[in-house]
Amino acid sequence: MFSLAKEAGLAKESVTRLARGRPVRAATARKLCQVLKVEFDEMFEFVEDANG
């Protein structure tokens, strides 16, 4: 996971959150998609939080 985080320019904790199914920011998800060469819509979906 560390190499993926490094390549995406993200903190290791951000990638760990995602791997554990925890929420991440859209910008984080987009960076990972770019590195993995997959479309955002293939890996993620937007879910509104409690604030709408």
PDB file of N, CA and C in Angstrom:
ATOM      1  N   MET A   1       0.814  -1.192   0.000  1.00  0.00           N
ATOM      2  CA  MET A   1       0.000   0.000   0.000  1.00  0.00           C
ATOM      3  C   MET A   1       0.860   1.260   0.000  1.00  0.00           C
ATOM      4  N   PHE A   2       2.014   1.174   0.625  1.00  0.00           N
ATOM      5  CA  PHE A   2       2.864   2.354   0.698  1.00  0.00           C
ATOM      6  C   PHE A   2       3.287   2.814  -0.693  1.00  0.00           C
ATOM      7  N   SER A   3       3.635   1.873  -1.567  1.00  0.00           N
ATOM      8  CA  SER A   3       4.067   2.281  -2.912  1.00  0.00           C
ATOM      9  C   SER A   3       2.915   2.908  -3.695  1.00  0.00           C
ATOM     10  N   LEU A   4       1.703   2.409  -3.518  1.00  0.00           N
ATOM     11  CA  LEU A   4       0.542   3.000  -4.178  1.00  0.00           C
ATOM     12  C   LEU A   4       0.309   4.418  -3.670  1.00  0.00           C
ATOM     13  N   ALA A   5       0.381   4.592  -2.371  1.00  0.00           N
ATOM     14  CA  ALA A   5       0.199   5.918  -1.784  1.00  0.00           C
ATOM     15  C   ALA A   5       1.269   6.870  -2.307  1.00  0.00           C
ATOM     16  N   LYS A   6       2.495   6.422  -2.329  1.00  0.00           N
ATOM     17  CA  LYS A   6       3.599   7.260  -2.793  1.00  0.00           C
ATOM     18  C   LYS A   6       3.412   7.652  -4.252  1.00  0.00           C
ATOM     19  N   GLU A   7       3.060   6.697  -5.083  1.00  0.00           N
ATOM     20  CA  GLU A   7       2.862   6.974  -6.508  1.00  0.00           C
ATOM     21  C   GLU A   7       1.713   7.951  -6.748  1.00  0.00           C
ATOM     22  N   ALA A   8       0.679   7.858  -5.922  1.00  0.00           N
ATOM     23  CA  ALA A   8      -0.476   8.744  -6.062  1.00  0.00           C
ATOM     24  C   ALA A   8      -0.268  10.088  -5.373  1.00  0.00           C
ATOM     25  N   GLY A   9       0.812  10.199  -4.602  1.00  0.00           N
ATOM     26  CA  GLY A   9       1.060  11.436  -3.876  1.00  0.00           C
ATOM     27  C   GLY A   9       0.137  11.619  -2.693  1.00  0.00           C
ATOM     28  N   LEU A  10      -0.232  10.500  -2.073  1.00  0.00           N
ATOM     29  CA  LEU A  10      -1.158  10.518  -0.939  1.00  0.00           C
ATOM     30  C   LEU A  10      -0.495   9.980   0.309  1.00  0.00           C
ATOM     31  N   ALA A  11      -1.078  10.291   1.435  1.00  0.00           N
ATOM     32  CA  ALA A  11      -0.617   9.712   2.692  1.00  0.00           C
ATOM     33  C   ALA A  11      -1.006   8.240   2.739  1.00  0.00           C
ATOM     34  N   LYS A  12      -0.161   7.437   3.349  1.00  0.00           N
ATOM     35  CA  LYS A  12      -0.448   6.012   3.479  1.00  0.00           C
ATOM     36  C   LYS A  12      -1.782   5.786   4.190  1.00  0.00           C
ATOM     37  N   GLU A  13      -2.089   6.654   5.140  1.00  0.00           N
ATOM     38  CA  GLU A  13      -3.334   6.529   5.898  1.00  0.00           C
ATOM     39  C   GLU A  13      -4.562   6.667   5.004  1.00  0.00           C
ATOM     40  N   SER A  14      -4.474   7.504   3.979  1.00  0.00           N
ATOM     41  CA  SER A  14      -5.596   7.675   3.053  1.00  0.00           C
ATOM     42  C   SER A  14      -5.880   6.396   2.291  1.00  0.00           C
ATOM     43  N   VAL A  15      -4.832   5.740   1.840  1.00  0.00           N
ATOM     44  CA  VAL A  15      -4.994   4.484   1.108  1.00  0.00           C
ATOM     45  C   VAL A  15      -5.490   3.390   2.053  1.00  0.00           C
ATOM     46  N   THR A  16      -5.007   3.397   3.268  1.00  0.00           N
ATOM     47  CA  THR A  16      -5.459   2.420   4.256  1.00  0.00           C
ATOM     48  C   THR A  16      -6.943   2.592   4.548  1.00  0.00           C
ATOM     49  N   ARG A  17      -7.396   3.836   4.682  1.00  0.00           N
ATOM     50  CA  ARG A  17      -8.828   4.096   4.914  1.00  0.00           C
ATOM     51  C   ARG A  17      -9.659   3.495   3.785  1.00  0.00           C
ATOM     52  N   LEU A  18      -9.233   3.730   2.581  1.00  0.00           N
ATOM     53  CA  LEU A  18      -9.964   3.217   1.429  1.00  0.00           C
ATOM     54  C   LEU A  18      -9.977   1.686   1.417  1.00  0.00           C
ATOM     55  N   ALA A  19      -8.839   1.087   1.692  1.00  0.00           N
ATOM     56  CA  ALA A  19      -8.743  -0.372   1.705  1.00  0.00           C
ATOM     57  C   ALA A  19      -9.652  -0.994   2.767  1.00  0.00           C
ATOM     58  N   ARG A  20      -9.903  -0.248   3.823  1.00  0.00           N
ATOM     59  CA  ARG A  20     -10.767  -0.739   4.901  1.00  0.00           C
ATOM     60  C   ARG A  20     -12.231  -0.384   4.700  1.00  0.00           C
ATOM     61  N   GLY A  21     -12.530   0.222   3.554  1.00  0.00           N
ATOM     62  CA  GLY A  21     -13.915   0.555   3.249  1.00  0.00           C
ATOM     63  C   GLY A  21     -14.409   1.814   3.925  1.00  0.00           C
ATOM     64  N   ARG A  22     -13.490   2.633   4.413  1.00  0.00           N
ATOM     65  CA  ARG A  22     -13.856   3.880   5.074  1.00  0.00           C
ATOM     66  C   ARG A  22     -14.002   4.983   4.027  1.00  0.00           C
ATOM     67  N   PRO A  23     -14.741   6.020   4.332  1.00  0.00           N
ATOM     68  CA  PRO A  23     -14.910   7.127   3.379  1.00  0.00           C
ATOM     69  C   PRO A  23     -13.595   7.859   3.106  1.00  0.00           C
ATOM     70  N   VAL A  24     -13.444   8.289   1.879  1.00  0.00           N
ATOM     71  CA  VAL A  24     -12.313   9.134   1.489  1.00  0.00           C
ATOM     72  C   VAL A  24     -12.844  10.279   0.648  1.00  0.00           C
ATOM     73  N   ARG A  25     -12.077  11.319   0.528  1.00  0.00           N
ATOM     74  CA  ARG A  25     -12.483  12.451  -0.298  1.00  0.00           C
ATOM     75  C   ARG A  25     -12.454  12.062  -1.768  1.00  0.00           C
ATOM     76  N   ALA A  26     -13.275  12.721  -2.547  1.00  0.00           N
ATOM     77  CA  ALA A  26     -13.334  12.441  -3.982  1.00  0.00           C
ATOM     78  C   ALA A  26     -11.982  12.671  -4.640  1.00  0.00           C
ATOM     79  N   ALA A  27     -11.262  13.699  -4.220  1.00  0.00           N
ATOM     80  CA  ALA A  27      -9.949  13.983  -4.808  1.00  0.00           C
ATOM     81  C   ALA A  27      -8.979  12.830  -4.554  1.00  0.00           C
ATOM     82  N   THR A  28      -9.060  12.226  -3.385  1.00  0.00           N
ATOM     83  CA  THR A  28      -8.213  11.070  -3.058  1.00  0.00           C
ATOM     84  C   THR A  28      -8.556   9.903  -3.968  1.00  0.00           C
ATOM     85  N   ALA A  29      -9.836   9.643  -4.109  1.00  0.00           N
ATOM     86  CA  ALA A  29     -10.284   8.545  -4.958  1.00  0.00           C
ATOM     87  C   ALA A  29      -9.860   8.765  -6.411  1.00  0.00           C
ATOM     88  N   ARG A  30      -9.966   9.982  -6.894  1.00  0.00           N
ATOM     89  CA  ARG A  30      -9.572  10.281  -8.276  1.00  0.00           C
ATOM     90  C   ARG A  30      -8.074  10.071  -8.503  1.00  0.00           C
ATOM     91  N   LYS A  31      -7.251  10.450  -7.540  1.00  0.00           N
ATOM     92  CA  LYS A  31      -5.808  10.234  -7.662  1.00  0.00           C
ATOM     93  C   LYS A  31      -5.491   8.748  -7.746  1.00  0.00           C
ATOM     94  N   LEU A  32      -6.169   7.950  -6.943  1.00  0.00           N
ATOM     95  CA  LEU A  32      -5.938   6.508  -6.986  1.00  0.00           C
ATOM     96  C   LEU A  32      -6.389   5.916  -8.313  1.00  0.00           C
ATOM     97  N   CYS A  33      -7.492   6.388  -8.824  1.00  0.00           N
ATOM     98  CA  CYS A  33      -7.969   5.906 -10.120  1.00  0.00           C
ATOM     99  C   CYS A  33      -6.966   6.219 -11.223  1.00  0.00           C
ATOM    100  N   GLN A  34      -6.383   7.394 -11.180  1.00  0.00           N
ATOM    101  CA  GLN A  34      -5.389   7.765 -12.183  1.00  0.00           C
ATOM    102  C   GLN A  34      -4.196   6.812 -12.132  1.00  0.00           C
ATOM    103  N   VAL A  35      -3.712   6.524 -10.942  1.00  0.00           N
ATOM    104  CA  VAL A  35      -2.567   5.633 -10.791  1.00  0.00           C
ATOM    105  C   VAL A  35      -2.910   4.215 -11.235  1.00  0.00           C
ATOM    106  N   LEU A  36      -4.113   3.761 -10.896  1.00  0.00           N
ATOM    107  CA  LEU A  36      -4.541   2.405 -11.244  1.00  0.00           C
ATOM    108  C   LEU A  36      -5.068   2.285 -12.670  1.00  0.00           C
ATOM    109  N   LYS A  37      -5.217   3.434 -13.332  1.00  0.00           N
ATOM    110  CA  LYS A  37      -5.705   3.479 -14.716  1.00  0.00           C
ATOM    111  C   LYS A  37      -7.095   2.847 -14.870  1.00  0.00           C
ATOM    112  N   VAL A  38      -7.984   3.268 -13.971  1.00  0.00           N
ATOM    113  CA  VAL A  38      -9.386   2.843 -14.046  1.00  0.00           C
ATOM    114  C   VAL A  38     -10.265   4.076 -13.969  1.00  0.00           C
ATOM    115  N   GLU A  39     -11.458   3.976 -14.491  1.00  0.00           N
ATOM    116  CA  GLU A  39     -12.419   5.076 -14.432  1.00  0.00           C
ATOM    117  C   GLU A  39     -12.996   5.177 -13.025  1.00  0.00           C
ATOM    118  N   PHE A  40     -13.190   6.399 -12.589  1.00  0.00           N
ATOM    119  CA  PHE A  40     -13.741   6.649 -11.257  1.00  0.00           C
ATOM    120  C   PHE A  40     -15.050   5.885 -11.050  1.00  0.00           C
ATOM    121  N   ASP A  41     -15.941   5.959 -12.028  1.00  0.00           N
ATOM    122  CA  ASP A  41     -17.263   5.326 -11.908  1.00  0.00           C
ATOM    123  C   ASP A  41     -17.187   3.806 -11.803  1.00  0.00           C
ATOM    124  N   GLU A  42     -16.092   3.213 -12.221  1.00  0.00           N
ATOM    125  CA  GLU A  42     -15.941   1.765 -12.131  1.00  0.00           C
ATOM    126  C   GLU A  42     -15.594   1.315 -10.710  1.00  0.00           C
ATOM    127  N   MET A  43     -15.012   2.221  -9.930  1.00  0.00           N
ATOM    128  CA  MET A  43     -14.552   1.837  -8.600  1.00  0.00           C
ATOM    129  C   MET A  43     -15.323   2.474  -7.458  1.00  0.00           C
ATOM    130  N   PHE A  44     -15.932   3.645  -7.705  1.00  0.00           N
ATOM    131  CA  PHE A  44     -16.523   4.406  -6.611  1.00  0.00           C
ATOM    132  C   PHE A  44     -17.912   4.896  -6.959  1.00  0.00           C
ATOM    133  N   GLU A  45     -18.657   5.228  -5.902  1.00  0.00           N
ATOM    134  CA  GLU A  45     -19.926   5.901  -6.059  1.00  0.00           C
ATOM    135  C   GLU A  45     -20.011   6.991  -4.999  1.00  0.00           C
ATOM    136  N   PHE A  46     -20.672   8.069  -5.338  1.00  0.00           N
ATOM    137  CA  PHE A  46     -20.856   9.150  -4.373  1.00  0.00           C
ATOM    138  C   PHE A  46     -21.992   8.799  -3.437  1.00  0.00           C
ATOM    139  N   VAL A  47     -21.784   9.003  -2.154  1.00  0.00           N
ATOM    140  CA  VAL A  47     -22.801   8.796  -1.132  1.00  0.00           C
ATOM    141  C   VAL A  47     -22.840  10.063  -0.307  1.00  0.00           C
ATOM    142  N   GLU A  48     -24.026  10.658  -0.189  1.00  0.00           N
ATOM    143  CA  GLU A  48     -24.154  11.879   0.596  1.00  0.00           C
ATOM    144  C   GLU A  48     -23.939  11.573   2.077  1.00  0.00           C
ATOM    145  N   ASP A  49     -23.293  12.509   2.748  1.00  0.00           N
ATOM    146  CA  ASP A  49     -23.111  12.345   4.178  1.00  0.00           C
ATOM    147  C   ASP A  49     -24.326  12.884   4.923  1.00  0.00           C
ATOM    148  N   ALA A  50     -24.274  12.869   6.215  1.00  0.00           N
ATOM    149  CA  ALA A  50     -25.412  13.302   7.032  1.00  0.00           C
ATOM    150  C   ALA A  50     -25.766  14.767   6.822  1.00  0.00           C
ATOM    151  N   ASN A  51     -24.827  15.541   6.309  1.00  0.00           N
ATOM    152  CA  ASN A  51     -25.066  16.969   6.075  1.00  0.00           C
ATOM    153  C   ASN A  51     -25.719  17.243   4.723  1.00  0.00           C
ATOM    154  N   GLY A  52     -25.912  16.191   3.954  1.00  0.00           N
ATOM    155  CA  GLY A  52     -26.553  16.359   2.652  1.00  0.00           C
ATOM    156  C   GLY A  52     -25.569  16.576   1.597  1.00  0.00           C
TER     157      GLY A  52
END
